[in-house]
Each structure stands twice: as structure tokens, then as C-alpha cells.
Protein backbone atom coordinates (compact mmCIF):
# COMPACT_ATOMS: atom_id res chain seq x y z
CA MET A 1 -9.23 -12.19 -33.62
CA GLN A 2 -9.10 -10.54 -37.03
CA ILE A 3 -11.31 -7.65 -35.94
CA ILE A 4 -8.98 -6.82 -33.06
CA GLU A 5 -5.91 -7.09 -35.30
CA ALA A 6 -7.46 -4.73 -37.86
CA TYR A 7 -8.39 -2.31 -35.07
CA LEU A 8 -4.85 -2.39 -33.66
CA GLU A 9 -3.40 -1.72 -37.12
CA GLU A 10 -5.68 1.29 -37.48
CA VAL A 11 -4.70 2.62 -34.05
CA ALA A 12 -1.02 2.11 -34.95
CA SER A 13 -1.46 4.09 -38.16
CA HIS A 14 -2.56 7.12 -36.11
CA LEU A 15 -0.16 6.87 -33.16
CA MET A 16 3.04 8.53 -34.43
CA ALA A 17 5.15 7.17 -31.56
CA ASP A 18 8.51 5.49 -31.33
CA MET A 19 8.53 1.72 -31.88
CA VAL A 20 8.87 0.78 -28.22
CA THR A 21 6.10 3.12 -27.10
CA GLU A 22 3.86 2.00 -29.94
CA ALA A 23 4.37 -1.66 -29.06
CA ASP A 24 3.57 -0.94 -25.40
CA ILE A 25 0.41 0.96 -26.31
CA LEU A 26 -0.80 -1.70 -28.72
CA ARG A 27 -0.11 -4.45 -26.20
CA GLU A 28 -2.10 -2.58 -23.56
CA ILE A 29 -5.04 -2.05 -25.90
CA GLU A 30 -4.94 -5.68 -27.01
CA GLU A 31 -5.02 -6.90 -23.41
CA HIS A 32 -8.12 -4.81 -22.69
CA LEU A 33 -9.82 -5.98 -25.85
CA VAL A 34 -9.05 -9.66 -25.22
CA GLU A 35 -10.47 -9.35 -21.71
CA ALA A 36 -13.63 -7.76 -23.13
CA VAL A 37 -13.93 -10.51 -25.75
CA GLU A 38 -13.54 -13.21 -23.09
CA ALA A 39 -16.23 -11.52 -21.02
CA GLY A 40 -18.52 -11.38 -24.06
CA ILE A 41 -17.95 -15.06 -24.84
CA ALA A 42 -18.60 -15.93 -21.20
CA ALA A 43 -21.89 -14.00 -21.51
CA GLY A 44 -22.87 -16.23 -24.43
CA LEU A 45 -21.89 -14.15 -27.46
CA PRO A 46 -20.28 -15.76 -30.50
CA PRO A 47 -16.55 -14.95 -30.67
CA GLU A 48 -16.85 -12.65 -33.69
CA GLU A 49 -19.71 -10.69 -32.14
CA ALA A 50 -17.79 -10.43 -28.85
CA GLU A 51 -14.84 -8.96 -30.81
CA ARG A 52 -17.08 -6.46 -32.59
CA GLN A 53 -18.62 -5.31 -29.34
CA ALA A 54 -15.27 -5.08 -27.57
CA VAL A 55 -13.85 -2.89 -30.35
CA ALA A 56 -17.00 -0.76 -30.53
CA GLN A 57 -16.99 -0.19 -26.78
CA PHE A 58 -13.30 0.68 -26.73
CA GLY A 59 -13.86 3.62 -29.06
CA PRO A 60 -12.86 4.92 -32.49
CA ALA A 61 -9.26 4.08 -33.35
CA ARG A 62 -8.35 7.65 -34.26
CA GLU A 63 -9.62 9.03 -30.93
CA ILE A 64 -7.90 6.30 -28.93
CA ALA A 65 -4.62 6.93 -30.76
CA GLU A 66 -4.94 10.66 -30.06
CA GLN A 67 -5.50 10.04 -26.34
CA PHE A 68 -2.47 7.75 -26.12
CA ARG A 69 -0.39 10.17 -28.20
CA GLN A 70 -1.16 12.98 -25.75
CA VAL A 71 -0.20 10.82 -22.78
CA HIS A 72 3.00 9.48 -24.37
CA ASN A 73 4.08 12.72 -26.07
CA GLU A 74 5.72 13.67 -22.78
CA SER A 75 8.03 10.70 -23.29
CA VAL A 76 9.55 12.15 -26.47
CA SER A 77 10.10 15.53 -24.84
CA GLN A 78 11.83 13.88 -21.92
CA ALA A 79 14.04 11.86 -24.26
CA VAL A 80 15.25 15.00 -26.02
CA LEU A 81 15.72 16.81 -22.73
CA SER A 82 17.56 13.88 -21.17
CA ALA A 83 20.04 13.89 -24.05
CA ALA A 84 20.51 17.66 -24.31
CA LEU A 85 20.47 18.88 -20.72
CA PRO A 86 23.68 17.24 -19.42
CA VAL A 87 25.55 18.31 -22.53
CA LEU A 88 24.35 21.91 -22.23
CA LEU A 89 25.15 22.04 -18.50
CA THR A 90 28.61 20.61 -19.15
CA MET A 91 29.32 23.13 -21.89
CA LEU A 92 28.16 25.98 -19.64
CA LEU A 93 30.24 24.78 -16.71
CA LYS A 94 33.39 24.13 -18.78
CA SER A 95 33.26 27.32 -20.84
CA ALA A 96 31.90 29.89 -18.37
CA VAL A 97 31.81 28.75 -14.76
CA LEU A 98 35.20 27.01 -14.49
CA PRO A 99 37.16 29.86 -16.11
CA TRP A 100 35.42 32.32 -13.79
CA LEU A 101 36.23 30.19 -10.73
CA HIS A 102 39.87 29.90 -11.79
CA SER A 103 40.08 33.69 -11.96
CA LEU A 104 39.15 33.93 -8.29
CA ARG A 105 41.95 34.16 -5.76
CA GLY A 106 42.71 31.01 -3.83
CA TRP A 107 41.02 28.59 -6.23
CA PRO A 108 41.39 25.51 -6.01
CA ALA A 109 42.66 25.64 -2.43
CA GLY A 110 40.50 24.45 0.46
CA PRO A 111 37.17 22.67 0.26
CA ALA A 112 35.93 24.69 -2.74
CA PRO A 113 36.60 22.01 -5.41
CA ILE A 114 34.72 19.34 -3.43
CA PHE A 115 31.79 21.70 -2.84
CA PHE A 116 31.80 22.69 -6.51
CA LEU A 117 31.84 19.04 -7.61
CA ALA A 118 28.89 18.31 -5.31
CA LEU A 119 26.95 21.21 -6.85
CA ILE A 120 27.75 20.02 -10.37
CA THR A 121 26.64 16.49 -9.56
CA LEU A 122 23.43 17.76 -7.98
CA ALA A 123 22.69 20.05 -10.93
CA LEU A 124 23.20 17.21 -13.36
CA LEU A 125 21.31 14.51 -11.46
CA LEU A 126 18.28 16.39 -10.11
CA PRO A 127 16.45 16.45 -13.46
CA ALA A 128 16.85 12.67 -13.65
CA LEU A 129 14.44 12.31 -10.74
CA ALA A 130 11.64 13.79 -12.86
CA MET A 131 12.46 11.71 -15.94
CA ARG A 132 11.20 8.28 -14.96
CA ARG A 133 11.47 6.62 -18.32
CA TRP A 134 14.77 8.11 -19.44
CA ARG A 135 16.53 8.28 -16.05
CA TYR A 136 19.14 5.63 -16.87
CA GLY A 137 20.19 7.23 -20.13
CA TYR A 138 20.20 10.62 -18.44
CA ALA A 139 22.30 9.27 -15.57
CA ALA A 140 24.86 7.93 -18.05
CA TRP A 141 25.09 11.32 -19.78
CA ALA A 142 25.38 13.06 -16.42
CA PHE A 143 28.18 10.71 -15.37
CA PHE A 144 30.17 11.45 -18.51
CA SER A 145 29.48 15.15 -18.06
CA VAL A 146 30.93 15.07 -14.55
CA MET A 147 33.95 13.20 -15.90
CA ALA A 148 34.44 15.83 -18.61
CA ILE A 149 34.21 18.62 -16.05
CA LEU A 150 36.68 16.86 -13.76
CA GLN A 151 39.05 16.38 -16.66
CA ALA A 152 38.84 20.08 -17.47
CA GLU A 153 39.29 20.91 -13.79
CA SER A 154 42.43 18.82 -13.44
CA LYS A 155 44.19 20.60 -16.31
CA PRO A 156 46.30 23.59 -15.22
């Protein structure tokens, strides 16, 4: 399977993705190519010819890498967003919203703190629903953000 290995190396050279994403993409391509080779061999082609045809039918490595890069580029954007959004929301809540709420009369009496905590939690966790791949990392950041806000809230 030297032809497939060379093809995968060429695709990898054009991908520009993180290591995990690159490995996933290359594994997916390899699975498709191996299936095509097996089909070619079953049709009576010599193994090397079946490999050549499978690679030729799959498409030019540069174009395939570009297509996968476009699909998986969203992943990098979500990773950055999943790291930055909880931190930015926490900073905004701790530096602007909490001081404003404390300036209001009657705060923190009544159900207001519980309602406010529910809103904070919702604001921090809603974006995680859209971030399928990074949702666990985002959830961890959101949890620590809520803890930081609660800590700030408990101080007089």
C-alpha cells in the first residue's frame, strides 16, 4: 500500500490542521481508499493497479486537503471561542454587572441572587450546545467561571 501511504503523506502536507484532526482525516481517507482497493482486487485488478485507481478516483491530494480543511476549519474557531467566551463573560459579569447590581437597593435580598445565578449559568452554558466537539472543555471553563462569579458574589 505504498501508493496510498504516499498519497496520505501528500494530503497531510496540505492539511494545516491540529494533530488530532489530521489523524482523523487521514484515517477516514485511508478507510475509503482501502475499501476501493479491495473492490478493485475483487474485480480482478492487481493490487498495485487497484491502489492507483483508488487514489486517482479519490482526487488530487491538494484539492482533497482543501475540502477537508474547509470542513474542519470550523473546529479551530470553536476551540478558540470555547476557551475565550467563558472568560470574557466572567470578566464582564465580575467587573460590570455585579458592581451595578450591588448598587441597586435591596440587593442581595429575596430571590434575585438565585435568578441571577440561573441567568449566568444559562449565558455560560448555551454556547456549549452549539460546540459539539469542544463542549466538554467549554463546560469546564463555564463551571470555573460560575465558581469565580459566586466567589466574587459572596465577598462583601
